[in-house]
Amino acid sequence: MLKCIDYYSGNQIGEVEDWVAQAIENEYDIVHNDYVYSLKYVVNNVAFFVKNQYDYTIENNFSYHPPKEGQPEKYELIRMKAKELAYLLEDQVPKSREKSLALTNLEQVVFWANAGIARN
């Protein structure tokens, strides 16, 4: 086994099989603490890796999530119920800054609910 070392920090980030010593720079990646590291070089049974700019949460939050089975129906139900509440607010709350904020925040509720379904 080869020790895996972060090239910049010098911290050990894992171990890999010996055959990795034959890999070419940037041809082999490992994951450690939700970060992807690419092979830099191997010296004396130590493989040095460079951390790529990668964070699972950022990747997930800023990626397209095609709808999975059953999700479109959930989106539609949430929008329908929010629309019912929006009409209730339109009818019952006087025209005001507060009404505008209520409707804006209702839009945010729909957005975040749909994001929660899509991302998880």
C-alpha atoms as a PDB file:
ATOM      1  CA  MET A   1       0.000   0.000   0.000  1.00  0.00           C
ATOM      2  CA  LEU A   2       1.082   3.556  -0.733  1.00  0.00           C
ATOM      3  CA  LYS A   3       0.533   6.391   1.718  1.00  0.00           C
ATOM      4  CA  CYS A   4      -1.495   9.246   0.228  1.00  0.00           C
ATOM      5  CA  ILE A   5      -0.238  12.684   1.209  1.00  0.00           C
ATOM      6  CA  ASP A   6      -1.771  16.088   0.507  1.00  0.00           C
ATOM      7  CA  TYR A   7       0.948  17.770  -1.576  1.00  0.00           C
ATOM      8  CA  TYR A   8       0.420  21.205   0.009  1.00  0.00           C
ATOM      9  CA  SER A   9      -0.391  20.421   3.659  1.00  0.00           C
ATOM     10  CA  GLY A  10       1.681  17.255   4.092  1.00  0.00           C
ATOM     11  CA  ASN A  11      -1.258  15.554   5.837  1.00  0.00           C
ATOM     12  CA  GLN A  12      -1.968  11.896   5.190  1.00  0.00           C
ATOM     13  CA  ILE A  13      -5.289  11.522   3.392  1.00  0.00           C
ATOM     14  CA  GLY A  14      -5.435   7.766   2.965  1.00  0.00           C
ATOM     15  CA  GLU A  15      -3.788   4.769   1.342  1.00  0.00           C
ATOM     16  CA  VAL A  16      -3.982   3.262  -2.122  1.00  0.00           C
ATOM     17  CA  GLU A  17      -2.884   0.058  -3.813  1.00  0.00           C
ATOM     18  CA  ASP A  18       0.698  -0.197  -5.070  1.00  0.00           C
ATOM     19  CA  TRP A  19      -0.347  -0.222  -8.741  1.00  0.00           C
ATOM     20  CA  VAL A  20      -1.211   3.492  -8.439  1.00  0.00           C
ATOM     21  CA  ALA A  21       2.551   4.134  -8.647  1.00  0.00           C
ATOM     22  CA  GLN A  22       2.240   3.369 -12.366  1.00  0.00           C
ATOM     23  CA  ALA A  23      -0.466   6.005 -12.918  1.00  0.00           C
ATOM     24  CA  ILE A  24       0.276   9.214 -14.759  1.00  0.00           C
ATOM     25  CA  GLU A  25      -0.127  12.638 -13.131  1.00  0.00           C
ATOM     26  CA  ASN A  26      -3.817  13.677 -12.840  1.00  0.00           C
ATOM     27  CA  GLU A  27      -4.881  10.227 -14.089  1.00  0.00           C
ATOM     28  CA  TYR A  28      -5.936   8.870 -10.685  1.00  0.00           C
ATOM     29  CA  ASP A  29      -8.263  10.501  -8.129  1.00  0.00           C
ATOM     30  CA  ILE A  30      -9.245   9.713  -4.561  1.00  0.00           C
ATOM     31  CA  VAL A  31     -11.939  11.204  -2.320  1.00  0.00           C
ATOM     32  CA  HIS A  32     -11.152  12.334   1.226  1.00  0.00           C
ATOM     33  CA  ASN A  33     -13.543  14.339   3.432  1.00  0.00           C
ATOM     34  CA  ASP A  34     -15.795  15.151   0.443  1.00  0.00           C
ATOM     35  CA  TYR A  35     -12.861  16.543  -1.571  1.00  0.00           C
ATOM     36  CA  VAL A  36     -11.392  15.002  -4.708  1.00  0.00           C
ATOM     37  CA  TYR A  37      -7.606  14.736  -4.843  1.00  0.00           C
ATOM     38  CA  SER A  38      -5.662  14.099  -8.060  1.00  0.00           C
ATOM     39  CA  LEU A  39      -2.378  12.216  -8.165  1.00  0.00           C
ATOM     40  CA  LYS A  40       0.633  14.509  -8.532  1.00  0.00           C
ATOM     41  CA  TYR A  41       3.493  11.984  -8.324  1.00  0.00           C
ATOM     42  CA  VAL A  42       4.804   8.949  -6.390  1.00  0.00           C
ATOM     43  CA  VAL A  43       8.137   8.788  -4.545  1.00  0.00           C
ATOM     44  CA  ASN A  44       9.383   5.981  -2.253  1.00  0.00           C
ATOM     45  CA  ASN A  45       5.959   4.396  -1.651  1.00  0.00           C
ATOM     46  CA  VAL A  46       4.340   7.764  -0.999  1.00  0.00           C
ATOM     47  CA  ALA A  47       1.735   9.131  -3.400  1.00  0.00           C
ATOM     48  CA  PHE A  48       1.320  12.891  -3.384  1.00  0.00           C
ATOM     49  CA  PHE A  49      -2.097  14.277  -4.262  1.00  0.00           C
ATOM     50  CA  VAL A  50      -3.395  17.778  -4.958  1.00  0.00           C
ATOM     51  CA  LYS A  51      -6.838  18.758  -3.690  1.00  0.00           C
ATOM     52  CA  ASN A  52      -9.245  19.797  -6.437  1.00  0.00           C
ATOM     53  CA  GLN A  53     -11.731  22.564  -5.858  1.00  0.00           C
ATOM     54  CA  TYR A  54     -14.662  20.321  -4.992  1.00  0.00           C
ATOM     55  CA  ASP A  55     -17.222  20.405  -2.230  1.00  0.00           C
ATOM     56  CA  TYR A  56     -20.179  18.020  -2.279  1.00  0.00           C
ATOM     57  CA  THR A  57     -22.647  20.596  -0.939  1.00  0.00           C
ATOM     58  CA  ILE A  58     -21.624  23.232  -3.468  1.00  0.00           C
ATOM     59  CA  GLU A  59     -21.695  20.705  -6.305  1.00  0.00           C
ATOM     60  CA  ASN A  60     -25.148  19.489  -5.238  1.00  0.00           C
ATOM     61  CA  ASN A  61     -26.643  22.947  -4.677  1.00  0.00           C
ATOM     62  CA  PHE A  62     -25.424  24.371  -7.979  1.00  0.00           C
ATOM     63  CA  SER A  63     -26.151  21.432 -10.271  1.00  0.00           C
ATOM     64  CA  TYR A  64     -29.158  20.565 -12.390  1.00  0.00           C
ATOM     65  CA  HIS A  65     -31.287  17.832 -10.851  1.00  0.00           C
ATOM     66  CA  PRO A  66     -33.492  16.190 -13.469  1.00  0.00           C
ATOM     67  CA  PRO A  67     -36.825  15.140 -11.981  1.00  0.00           C
ATOM     68  CA  LYS A  68     -37.024  11.616 -10.643  1.00  0.00           C
ATOM     69  CA  GLU A  69     -40.114   9.459 -10.667  1.00  0.00           C
ATOM     70  CA  GLY A  70     -42.841  11.005  -8.522  1.00  0.00           C
ATOM     71  CA  GLN A  71     -41.150  14.388  -8.082  1.00  0.00           C
ATOM     72  CA  PRO A  72     -43.151  16.402 -10.678  1.00  0.00           C
ATOM     73  CA  GLU A  73     -46.360  15.482  -8.856  1.00  0.00           C
ATOM     74  CA  LYS A  74     -44.894  16.740  -5.577  1.00  0.00           C
ATOM     75  CA  TYR A  75     -43.819  20.007  -7.202  1.00  0.00           C
ATOM     76  CA  GLU A  76     -47.297  20.509  -8.636  1.00  0.00           C
ATOM     77  CA  LEU A  77     -49.010  19.823  -5.287  1.00  0.00           C
ATOM     78  CA  ILE A  78     -46.760  22.306  -3.486  1.00  0.00           C
ATOM     79  CA  ARG A  79     -47.359  24.989  -6.157  1.00  0.00           C
ATOM     80  CA  MET A  80     -51.122  24.366  -6.078  1.00  0.00           C
ATOM     81  CA  LYS A  81     -51.347  24.723  -2.283  1.00  0.00           C
ATOM     82  CA  ALA A  82     -49.113  27.806  -2.320  1.00  0.00           C
ATOM     83  CA  LYS A  83     -51.296  29.343  -5.036  1.00  0.00           C
ATOM     84  CA  GLU A  84     -54.380  28.763  -2.863  1.00  0.00           C
ATOM     85  CA  LEU A  85     -52.690  30.579   0.013  1.00  0.00           C
ATOM     86  CA  ALA A  86     -51.532  33.373  -2.329  1.00  0.00           C
ATOM     87  CA  TYR A  87     -55.144  33.997  -3.417  1.00  0.00           C
ATOM     88  CA  LEU A  88     -56.260  33.982   0.229  1.00  0.00           C
ATOM     89  CA  LEU A  89     -53.593  36.575   1.071  1.00  0.00           C
ATOM     90  CA  GLU A  90     -54.582  38.636  -1.988  1.00  0.00           C
ATOM     91  CA  ASP A  91     -58.204  38.689  -0.810  1.00  0.00           C
ATOM     92  CA  GLN A  92     -57.687  39.175   2.931  1.00  0.00           C
ATOM     93  CA  VAL A  93     -54.575  41.323   3.406  1.00  0.00           C
ATOM     94  CA  PRO A  94     -54.701  45.030   2.559  1.00  0.00           C
ATOM     95  CA  LYS A  95     -52.276  46.284  -0.080  1.00  0.00           C
ATOM     96  CA  SER A  96     -49.117  46.948   1.899  1.00  0.00           C
ATOM     97  CA  ARG A  97     -45.447  46.252   2.273  1.00  0.00           C
ATOM     98  CA  GLU A  98     -46.343  43.371   4.587  1.00  0.00           C
ATOM     99  CA  LYS A  99     -48.578  41.766   1.945  1.00  0.00           C
ATOM    100  CA  SER A 100     -45.808  42.090  -0.608  1.00  0.00           C
ATOM    101  CA  LEU A 101     -43.345  40.457   1.790  1.00  0.00           C
ATOM    102  CA  ALA A 102     -45.826  37.677   2.580  1.00  0.00           C
ATOM    103  CA  LEU A 103     -46.237  36.864  -1.122  1.00  0.00           C
ATOM    104  CA  THR A 104     -42.491  37.077  -1.762  1.00  0.00           C
ATOM    105  CA  ASN A 105     -41.777  34.736   1.131  1.00  0.00           C
ATOM    106  CA  LEU A 106     -44.465  32.343  -0.084  1.00  0.00           C
ATOM    107  CA  GLU A 107     -42.580  32.192  -3.397  1.00  0.00           C
ATOM    108  CA  GLN A 108     -39.448  31.372  -1.416  1.00  0.00           C
ATOM    109  CA  VAL A 109     -41.289  28.609   0.429  1.00  0.00           C
ATOM    110  CA  VAL A 110     -42.182  27.004  -2.897  1.00  0.00           C
ATOM    111  CA  PHE A 111     -38.645  27.428  -4.190  1.00  0.00           C
ATOM    112  CA  TRP A 112     -36.974  25.894  -1.136  1.00  0.00           C
ATOM    113  CA  ALA A 113     -39.507  23.079  -0.848  1.00  0.00           C
ATOM    114  CA  ASN A 114     -38.907  22.149  -4.491  1.00  0.00           C
ATOM    115  CA  ALA A 115     -35.141  22.434  -4.014  1.00  0.00           C
ATOM    116  CA  GLY A 116     -35.403  20.101  -1.029  1.00  0.00           C
ATOM    117  CA  ILE A 117     -37.190  17.530  -3.151  1.00  0.00           C
ATOM    118  CA  ALA A 118     -34.812  17.881  -6.099  1.00  0.00           C
ATOM    119  CA  ARG A 119     -31.576  17.796  -4.107  1.00  0.00           C
ATOM    120  CA  ASN A 120     -32.372  14.934  -1.755  1.00  0.00           C
END
